[in-house]
Amino acid sequence: MIKMYDLLKELFPICRSLTGNGVRQTFEILKKHIPLEVQEFSSGTKCFDWVIPDEWNIKSAWIKDWNGNKIVDFSEHNLHILGYSIPYSGEITLEDLKKHIYTDPERPDAIPYRTSYYEKRWGFCMSHRQFETLKEGKYQVHIDSSLKPGSLTLAEAFIKGKTEKEIFFSCYVCHPSMADDSISGVVMTTKLYEYLKNRKDNYYSYRFIFVPETIGAIAYLSKYGEMLKKSTFCGMVLTCVGDPGDFNYKKTRQGTHSLDRIAENILKHSGFKHHMHDFFLPGSDERQYSSPGFNIPAGSLMRSFYGLPKYHSSQDNLDFVTEEGLNQTFDIYTKIIEAFEADFKYLNTNPFCEPFLSKYGLYSTLGAQMDGSKYIKKVLSILNFSDGQHSLVDIAEKTGFCISDLLDTVKILEEKGLLKK
């Protein structure tokens, strides 16, 4: 059984980027838990308006002062290097060095996450507090990296259901050593594979997509977009799912898809503080899946939202993500899945007046009791609105129930022969 927090700790130290061996190392670890099909897209490959960049790898990087003391060392934290830094070695003055150092004055104790994917440069990141302590002198700079033609790596897995119609879960694997953004999404997606693989009688087919953010999703869609467009019922992009913050749900581009309604209904009854957001840009890879040419309904259920204080910094660490936070989010995701698996339009097989429930063992022979009134309300509500016109989420919204609370009752009514899909 996958323990999400343990897997997250194993993945956390790896230096990942858009391309390179860090992504491949990540997939090798994930393949212990999920049968990934790994694919490579060669540098220079045109994907719509984009081109797959050269592959970047890094071995070491540091800055030493005039006494030989390392003041920054990539081996201590891989956010210290500007992502995609070209190789460089040499002596440099403080004035020139400062041109290559990136900080975040608004978060003076954090190392910021910065990249230069599409412009060749080199640089280091450090806390602004450390930056302010730098003294005049000569500094030695060393970056042992490579940027050359190679490939971009992505992966996917698939579980076949009773129908060809698919639901996908997409996450991104390009962020180095940030626990919530994006590694929590990676481990959650892996855990959902395990859950659905062990679940019996899946109606939907399920696809699990692991890509570098933006360019990876674009590459994937350039090859599989038309297939996805035809087969997908909806999808979800997973990121920032492990911290203890409020739940945030970003709706699909359509805004009224059953995914949006199910997510809202479950969050409303969850007992957790939550916020609903209309589709907005930029966001993450939902903007690629939902681009006008594909228009695939894709939502995103998160905890802390984009742009919060720890986002894109060294403060997004193993202390920020909690096992409890991961498990709470997993519980919401599985409730959404179970709701999808039951969100059909049903027909009451005995539609003329109410059935005599006692005949089916569904009602106590001692009348006028308050106990069980909620259960009877569920039974009667489901039967009344099961006219072939209302889906289960319709019934949940009309009656004020959580859709999760209707599932067992629906199964009982089906078993009694009073309800059919």
Protein backbone atom coordinates (compact mmCIF):
# COMPACT_ATOMS: atom_id res chain seq x y z
CA MET A 1 0.00 0.00 0.00
CA ILE A 2 1.31 3.43 -0.96
CA LYS A 3 2.04 5.76 1.93
CA MET A 4 1.85 9.17 0.33
CA TYR A 5 3.99 11.09 2.79
CA ASP A 6 6.78 8.49 2.65
CA LEU A 7 6.75 8.61 -1.14
CA LEU A 8 6.80 12.40 -1.04
CA LYS A 9 9.89 12.35 1.22
CA GLU A 10 11.62 10.00 -1.23
CA LEU A 11 10.90 12.29 -4.20
CA PHE A 12 11.58 15.60 -2.46
CA PRO A 13 15.41 15.78 -2.80
CA ILE A 14 15.48 15.15 -6.55
CA CYS A 15 16.39 18.06 -8.82
CA ARG A 16 13.71 18.03 -11.50
CA SER A 17 13.20 20.41 -14.40
CA LEU A 18 11.41 20.48 -17.76
CA THR A 19 13.81 17.83 -19.00
CA GLY A 20 16.65 15.72 -17.72
CA ASN A 21 17.62 12.84 -15.52
CA GLY A 22 15.76 14.15 -12.46
CA VAL A 23 12.46 13.51 -14.22
CA ARG A 24 13.59 10.05 -15.29
CA GLN A 25 14.75 9.25 -11.76
CA THR A 26 11.34 10.33 -10.48
CA PHE A 27 9.59 7.99 -12.92
CA GLU A 28 11.85 5.08 -11.91
CA ILE A 29 10.69 5.53 -8.32
CA LEU A 30 7.03 5.84 -9.33
CA LYS A 31 7.26 2.70 -11.46
CA LYS A 32 7.63 0.71 -8.23
CA HIS A 33 4.00 1.65 -7.53
CA ILE A 34 2.36 2.28 -10.90
CA PRO A 35 2.98 0.71 -14.34
CA LEU A 36 4.03 3.87 -16.16
CA GLU A 37 4.52 4.00 -19.90
CA VAL A 38 7.41 6.45 -20.28
CA GLN A 39 7.82 8.42 -23.51
CA GLU A 40 10.52 10.74 -24.83
CA PHE A 41 9.97 13.76 -27.09
CA SER A 42 13.17 14.81 -28.85
CA SER A 43 14.53 18.35 -28.54
CA GLY A 44 13.47 20.43 -31.52
CA THR A 45 10.15 18.62 -31.95
CA LYS A 46 7.44 21.10 -32.87
CA CYS A 47 4.31 20.85 -30.71
CA PHE A 48 1.70 23.33 -31.93
CA ASP A 49 3.29 26.78 -31.38
CA TRP A 50 6.03 25.39 -29.13
CA VAL A 51 9.31 23.52 -29.63
CA ILE A 52 10.75 20.95 -27.21
CA PRO A 53 13.83 22.62 -25.67
CA ASP A 54 17.29 21.18 -25.22
CA GLU A 55 17.78 18.83 -22.30
CA TRP A 56 19.28 20.23 -19.10
CA ASN A 57 21.23 18.32 -16.48
CA ILE A 58 23.35 19.52 -13.58
CA LYS A 59 26.00 17.84 -11.43
CA SER A 60 27.21 20.60 -9.12
CA ALA A 61 27.16 24.34 -8.56
CA TRP A 62 28.59 26.63 -5.90
CA ILE A 63 29.91 30.09 -5.04
CA LYS A 64 33.04 30.48 -2.91
CA ASP A 65 34.34 33.64 -1.29
CA TRP A 66 37.98 34.79 -1.42
CA ASN A 67 38.80 32.54 1.55
CA GLY A 68 37.49 29.43 -0.18
CA ASN A 69 34.30 29.24 1.91
CA LYS A 70 31.23 28.03 0.04
CA ILE A 71 28.48 30.58 0.53
CA VAL A 72 26.02 28.82 -1.77
CA ASP A 73 26.02 25.13 -2.63
CA PHE A 74 23.56 23.42 -4.96
CA SER A 75 24.13 20.14 -3.11
CA GLU A 76 22.59 21.65 0.05
CA HIS A 77 19.39 22.77 -1.68
CA ASN A 78 18.65 22.45 -5.38
CA LEU A 79 16.62 25.68 -5.41
CA HIS A 80 19.98 27.48 -5.06
CA ILE A 81 20.54 27.13 -8.81
CA LEU A 82 18.59 29.08 -11.41
CA GLY A 83 16.82 26.36 -13.35
CA TYR A 84 18.38 25.69 -16.77
CA SER A 85 21.58 27.59 -15.90
CA ILE A 86 24.25 27.17 -18.55
CA PRO A 87 27.72 25.99 -17.43
CA TYR A 88 30.08 28.62 -16.05
CA SER A 89 33.34 28.74 -14.10
CA GLY A 90 35.37 31.80 -13.22
CA GLU A 91 36.29 34.57 -10.82
CA ILE A 92 33.88 37.47 -10.52
CA THR A 93 33.46 40.67 -8.54
CA LEU A 94 30.55 41.18 -6.15
CA GLU A 95 29.10 43.83 -8.47
CA ASP A 96 28.99 41.36 -11.36
CA LEU A 97 27.91 38.46 -9.17
CA LYS A 98 24.86 40.36 -7.98
CA LYS A 99 23.63 40.48 -11.58
CA HIS A 100 23.31 36.68 -11.41
CA ILE A 101 21.69 36.33 -8.01
CA TYR A 102 17.91 36.11 -7.50
CA THR A 103 16.14 36.76 -4.21
CA ASP A 104 12.67 37.54 -2.93
CA PRO A 105 12.75 40.63 -0.67
CA GLU A 106 9.14 40.04 0.37
CA ARG A 107 10.15 36.64 1.82
CA PRO A 108 13.66 37.46 3.07
CA ASP A 109 14.32 34.06 4.68
CA ALA A 110 13.23 31.94 1.71
CA ILE A 111 15.20 30.71 -1.28
CA PRO A 112 13.00 31.57 -4.29
CA TYR A 113 12.35 29.19 -7.18
CA ARG A 114 13.45 30.78 -10.45
CA THR A 115 14.03 29.38 -13.95
CA SER A 116 15.31 30.49 -17.34
CA TYR A 117 13.97 27.86 -19.70
CA TYR A 118 13.95 29.80 -22.93
CA GLU A 119 16.82 32.29 -22.49
CA LYS A 120 20.39 31.14 -21.97
CA ARG A 121 21.81 32.53 -18.72
CA TRP A 122 23.26 31.35 -15.45
CA GLY A 123 22.39 32.29 -11.93
CA PHE A 124 21.92 31.39 -8.30
CA CYS A 125 19.08 31.87 -5.85
CA MET A 126 19.49 32.67 -2.16
CA SER A 127 17.56 34.22 0.68
CA HIS A 128 17.45 37.98 0.57
CA ARG A 129 18.77 38.04 4.11
CA GLN A 130 21.91 36.19 3.00
CA PHE A 131 22.20 38.41 -0.07
CA GLU A 132 22.38 41.50 2.15
CA THR A 133 25.38 40.06 4.02
CA LEU A 134 27.59 39.65 0.92
CA LYS A 135 30.80 41.67 1.14
CA GLU A 136 33.05 43.21 -1.48
CA GLY A 137 35.66 40.88 -2.89
CA LYS A 138 36.39 38.32 -5.55
CA TYR A 139 34.15 35.25 -5.75
CA GLN A 140 34.70 31.90 -7.44
CA VAL A 141 31.71 30.62 -9.37
CA HIS A 142 31.29 27.05 -10.62
CA ILE A 143 28.33 25.52 -12.46
CA ASP A 144 28.82 22.03 -13.87
CA SER A 145 25.73 21.69 -16.05
CA SER A 146 24.90 20.69 -19.60
CA LEU A 147 22.34 22.07 -22.02
CA LYS A 148 22.25 20.16 -25.28
CA PRO A 149 19.88 18.27 -27.59
CA GLY A 150 18.17 15.43 -25.79
CA SER A 151 14.53 14.87 -24.95
CA LEU A 152 11.59 15.72 -22.73
CA THR A 153 10.23 12.81 -20.68
CA LEU A 154 6.61 12.18 -19.76
CA ALA A 155 4.62 9.18 -18.63
CA GLU A 156 1.11 7.82 -18.28
CA ALA A 157 -0.86 4.86 -16.98
CA PHE A 158 -4.34 3.61 -17.83
CA ILE A 159 -7.09 1.56 -16.18
CA LYS A 160 -9.77 0.18 -18.50
CA GLY A 161 -13.37 0.47 -17.31
CA LYS A 162 -16.69 -0.74 -18.67
CA THR A 163 -16.94 2.24 -21.00
CA GLU A 164 -14.48 3.88 -23.35
CA LYS A 165 -15.34 7.22 -21.75
CA GLU A 166 -12.41 8.44 -19.66
CA ILE A 167 -11.66 10.55 -16.62
CA PHE A 168 -8.05 11.69 -16.35
CA PHE A 169 -5.84 12.85 -13.51
CA SER A 170 -2.90 14.99 -14.57
CA CYS A 171 0.06 16.18 -12.49
CA TYR A 172 3.39 17.83 -13.25
CA VAL A 173 6.85 16.52 -12.42
CA CYS A 174 9.16 19.44 -13.25
CA HIS A 175 9.47 21.21 -9.90
CA PRO A 176 12.60 20.64 -7.77
CA SER A 177 12.27 20.16 -4.00
CA MET A 178 8.91 21.79 -3.43
CA ALA A 179 6.66 19.51 -1.45
CA ASP A 180 3.19 20.91 -2.09
CA ASP A 181 3.71 22.35 -5.55
CA SER A 182 3.97 19.78 -7.39
CA ILE A 183 5.19 16.67 -5.58
CA SER A 184 2.01 16.35 -3.51
CA GLY A 185 0.07 16.14 -6.77
CA VAL A 186 2.42 13.45 -8.06
CA VAL A 187 2.01 11.22 -4.99
CA MET A 188 -1.77 11.85 -4.89
CA THR A 189 -2.13 10.82 -8.54
CA THR A 190 -0.11 7.68 -7.84
CA LYS A 191 -2.28 6.86 -4.82
CA LEU A 192 -5.46 7.36 -6.87
CA TYR A 193 -4.15 4.82 -9.39
CA GLU A 194 -3.77 2.30 -6.56
CA TYR A 195 -7.27 3.09 -5.30
CA LEU A 196 -8.91 2.69 -8.71
CA LYS A 197 -6.90 -0.39 -9.62
CA ASN A 198 -8.21 -2.10 -6.48
CA ARG A 199 -11.75 -0.81 -6.99
CA LYS A 200 -14.09 -3.32 -8.61
CA ASP A 201 -16.39 -2.63 -11.55
CA ASN A 202 -15.18 0.80 -12.63
CA TYR A 203 -17.68 2.22 -15.08
CA TYR A 204 -15.29 4.86 -16.43
CA SER A 205 -11.82 4.26 -17.79
CA TYR A 206 -9.13 6.24 -16.00
CA ARG A 207 -5.97 7.85 -17.37
CA PHE A 208 -3.07 9.11 -15.25
CA ILE A 209 -0.79 11.69 -16.87
CA PHE A 210 2.62 12.77 -15.52
CA VAL A 211 4.19 15.65 -17.46
CA PRO A 212 6.50 18.62 -17.06
CA GLU A 213 4.18 21.60 -16.60
CA THR A 214 3.01 23.53 -19.69
CA ILE A 215 5.41 22.24 -22.36
CA GLY A 216 4.86 18.64 -21.23
CA ALA A 217 1.09 18.94 -21.40
CA ILE A 218 1.42 20.64 -24.78
CA ALA A 219 3.66 17.83 -26.04
CA TYR A 220 1.21 15.23 -24.76
CA LEU A 221 -1.73 16.97 -26.41
CA SER A 222 0.17 17.34 -29.69
CA LYS A 223 0.27 13.53 -29.87
CA TYR A 224 -2.88 12.45 -28.04
CA GLY A 225 -5.07 15.54 -27.99
CA GLU A 226 -7.61 14.41 -30.57
CA MET A 227 -7.97 11.05 -28.86
CA LEU A 228 -8.38 12.76 -25.49
CA LYS A 229 -10.89 15.19 -26.94
CA LYS A 230 -13.10 12.33 -28.17
CA SER A 231 -12.76 10.00 -25.20
CA THR A 232 -12.62 12.27 -22.15
CA PHE A 233 -15.64 12.95 -19.98
CA CYS A 234 -13.60 15.25 -17.74
CA GLY A 235 -10.26 15.55 -15.99
CA MET A 236 -8.57 16.99 -12.93
CA VAL A 237 -5.16 18.63 -12.50
CA LEU A 238 -3.54 17.79 -9.17
CA THR A 239 -1.20 20.18 -7.37
CA CYS A 240 -0.93 21.79 -3.93
CA VAL A 241 -2.98 19.01 -2.33
CA GLY A 242 -0.98 18.23 0.82
CA ASP A 243 -0.88 21.29 3.07
CA PRO A 244 -3.31 21.98 5.94
CA GLY A 245 -4.96 25.01 4.32
CA ASP A 246 -8.55 25.52 3.16
CA PHE A 247 -9.79 23.53 0.18
CA ASN A 248 -9.98 25.43 -3.11
CA TYR A 249 -11.77 24.13 -6.18
CA LYS A 250 -11.17 25.70 -9.57
CA LYS A 251 -14.08 25.01 -11.90
CA THR A 252 -13.86 23.76 -15.44
CA ARG A 253 -13.96 26.18 -18.33
CA GLN A 254 -17.60 25.15 -18.80
CA GLY A 255 -18.40 26.02 -15.19
CA THR A 256 -21.51 23.83 -14.88
CA HIS A 257 -20.05 20.42 -15.69
CA SER A 258 -21.15 17.61 -13.37
CA LEU A 259 -17.53 17.56 -12.09
CA ASP A 260 -18.02 21.12 -10.81
CA ARG A 261 -21.37 20.29 -9.25
CA ILE A 262 -20.17 17.07 -7.62
CA ALA A 263 -17.05 18.75 -6.21
CA GLU A 264 -19.08 21.65 -4.84
CA ASN A 265 -21.68 19.33 -3.31
CA ILE A 266 -19.06 17.16 -1.59
CA LEU A 267 -17.06 20.13 -0.30
CA LYS A 268 -20.24 21.79 0.98
CA HIS A 269 -20.96 18.76 3.17
CA SER A 270 -17.34 17.94 4.05
CA GLY A 271 -17.08 20.05 7.17
CA PHE A 272 -13.93 21.70 5.76
CA LYS A 273 -13.65 25.38 4.97
CA HIS A 274 -13.55 25.71 1.21
CA HIS A 275 -13.72 28.18 -1.65
CA MET A 276 -15.11 27.80 -5.16
CA HIS A 277 -13.41 29.64 -8.04
CA ASP A 278 -14.55 30.19 -11.59
CA PHE A 279 -12.11 29.11 -14.30
CA PHE A 280 -9.26 31.59 -14.55
CA LEU A 281 -5.88 31.97 -16.26
CA PRO A 282 -3.06 31.22 -16.06
CA GLY A 283 -3.28 28.46 -13.45
CA SER A 284 -1.67 25.13 -14.37
CA ASP A 285 -2.14 22.52 -17.11
CA GLU A 286 -5.93 22.80 -17.05
CA ARG A 287 -5.38 25.77 -19.36
CA GLN A 288 -3.85 23.44 -21.98
CA TYR A 289 -6.56 20.77 -21.73
CA SER A 290 -9.22 23.49 -21.74
CA SER A 291 -7.75 25.56 -24.57
CA PRO A 292 -10.45 26.38 -27.15
CA GLY A 293 -9.27 23.79 -29.67
CA PHE A 294 -9.71 20.94 -27.19
CA ASN A 295 -12.18 22.41 -24.67
CA ILE A 296 -11.82 19.36 -22.41
CA PRO A 297 -13.56 19.94 -19.05
CA ALA A 298 -10.71 20.07 -16.52
CA GLY A 299 -11.00 21.22 -12.94
CA SER A 300 -8.57 21.34 -10.04
CA LEU A 301 -9.08 20.59 -6.36
CA MET A 302 -6.30 22.09 -4.23
CA ARG A 303 -5.58 23.05 -0.65
CA SER A 304 -3.59 26.29 -0.39
CA PHE A 305 -4.00 28.38 -3.49
CA TYR A 306 -1.49 29.70 -6.01
CA GLY A 307 0.53 32.64 -4.75
CA LEU A 308 0.29 32.00 -1.01
CA PRO A 309 3.36 32.88 1.10
CA LYS A 310 5.22 29.57 0.82
CA TYR A 311 4.54 29.13 -2.91
CA HIS A 312 7.56 28.75 -5.23
CA SER A 313 10.14 28.89 -2.46
CA SER A 314 12.16 26.77 -0.06
CA GLN A 315 9.39 27.28 2.50
CA ASP A 316 7.29 24.81 0.50
CA ASN A 317 9.02 21.98 2.30
CA LEU A 318 8.36 18.73 4.15
CA ASP A 319 7.08 20.67 7.16
CA PHE A 320 4.46 22.47 5.06
CA VAL A 321 2.89 19.29 3.70
CA THR A 322 1.39 16.97 6.30
CA GLU A 323 0.28 13.37 6.24
CA GLU A 324 -3.10 14.49 7.58
CA GLY A 325 -3.45 17.08 4.82
CA LEU A 326 -2.70 14.49 2.14
CA ASN A 327 -5.14 11.98 3.61
CA GLN A 328 -7.94 14.55 3.92
CA THR A 329 -7.53 15.55 0.27
CA PHE A 330 -7.37 11.92 -0.83
CA ASP A 331 -10.67 11.32 0.97
CA ILE A 332 -12.32 14.17 -0.96
CA TYR A 333 -10.95 12.89 -4.27
CA THR A 334 -12.22 9.37 -3.63
CA LYS A 335 -15.65 10.74 -2.72
CA ILE A 336 -15.68 12.59 -6.06
CA ILE A 337 -14.71 9.37 -7.86
CA GLU A 338 -17.41 7.35 -6.11
CA ALA A 339 -19.97 10.03 -6.97
CA PHE A 340 -18.95 9.93 -10.65
CA GLU A 341 -19.27 6.17 -10.67
CA ALA A 342 -22.90 6.49 -9.50
CA ASP A 343 -23.98 9.74 -11.15
CA PHE A 344 -26.44 8.22 -13.62
CA LYS A 345 -30.02 9.05 -14.42
CA TYR A 346 -32.19 6.43 -12.75
CA LEU A 347 -35.69 5.09 -13.33
CA ASN A 348 -38.15 4.29 -10.57
CA THR A 349 -39.51 0.86 -11.57
CA ASN A 350 -42.68 1.40 -9.51
CA PRO A 351 -43.50 5.01 -10.40
CA PHE A 352 -47.23 5.11 -9.60
CA CYS A 353 -47.43 6.48 -6.07
CA GLU A 354 -44.96 5.49 -3.39
CA PRO A 355 -44.12 1.80 -3.06
CA PHE A 356 -45.15 0.05 0.15
CA LEU A 357 -41.67 0.27 1.69
CA SER A 358 -42.33 -2.23 4.48
CA LYS A 359 -42.94 -4.86 1.80
CA TYR A 360 -39.30 -4.42 0.78
CA GLY A 361 -37.96 -4.21 4.34
CA LEU A 362 -37.33 -0.50 3.92
CA TYR A 363 -39.68 0.88 6.56
CA SER A 364 -40.44 0.10 10.18
CA THR A 365 -43.90 -1.34 10.88
CA LEU A 366 -44.12 0.98 13.89
CA GLY A 367 -45.18 4.33 12.45
CA ALA A 368 -44.75 7.99 13.51
CA GLN A 369 -41.20 7.52 14.77
CA MET A 370 -38.64 10.27 14.35
CA ASP A 371 -35.75 7.83 14.17
CA GLY A 372 -34.96 6.99 10.58
CA SER A 373 -36.82 9.96 9.12
CA LYS A 374 -33.66 11.16 7.32
CA TYR A 375 -33.23 7.73 5.77
CA ILE A 376 -36.85 7.63 4.63
CA LYS A 377 -36.47 11.10 3.17
CA LYS A 378 -33.52 9.85 1.15
CA VAL A 379 -35.43 6.80 -0.08
CA LEU A 380 -38.52 8.77 -1.09
CA SER A 381 -36.49 11.61 -2.65
CA ILE A 382 -34.44 9.24 -4.78
CA LEU A 383 -37.52 7.36 -5.95
CA ASN A 384 -39.49 10.53 -6.67
CA PHE A 385 -36.80 12.18 -8.79
CA SER A 386 -35.74 8.98 -10.54
CA ASP A 387 -37.79 9.68 -13.64
CA GLY A 388 -34.99 9.32 -16.18
CA GLN A 389 -34.54 13.09 -16.25
CA HIS A 390 -32.53 13.71 -13.08
CA SER A 391 -28.99 12.53 -12.39
CA LEU A 392 -27.88 11.67 -8.88
CA VAL A 393 -26.13 15.04 -8.48
CA ASP A 394 -29.41 16.70 -9.56
CA ILE A 395 -31.19 14.83 -6.77
CA ALA A 396 -28.51 15.74 -4.23
CA GLU A 397 -28.80 19.42 -5.10
CA LYS A 398 -32.59 19.40 -5.03
CA THR A 399 -32.87 17.60 -1.70
CA GLY A 400 -29.94 19.12 0.18
CA PHE A 401 -28.13 15.83 0.67
CA CYS A 402 -24.48 15.17 0.06
CA ILE A 403 -24.26 12.96 -3.00
CA SER A 404 -21.97 10.62 -1.04
CA ASP A 405 -24.81 9.99 1.43
CA LEU A 406 -27.10 8.82 -1.37
CA LEU A 407 -24.83 6.12 -2.78
CA ASP A 408 -25.63 3.31 -0.33
CA THR A 409 -29.35 4.02 -0.56
CA VAL A 410 -29.23 3.85 -4.36
CA LYS A 411 -27.51 0.45 -4.16
CA ILE A 412 -30.18 -0.85 -1.76
CA LEU A 413 -33.00 0.37 -4.03
CA GLU A 414 -31.34 -1.27 -7.02
CA GLU A 415 -30.98 -4.53 -5.12
CA LYS A 416 -34.68 -4.37 -4.12
CA GLY A 417 -35.63 -3.92 -7.78
CA LEU A 418 -37.14 -0.46 -7.19
CA LEU A 419 -34.50 1.43 -9.19
CA LYS A 420 -32.52 0.89 -12.35
CA LYS A 421 -29.94 2.93 -14.27
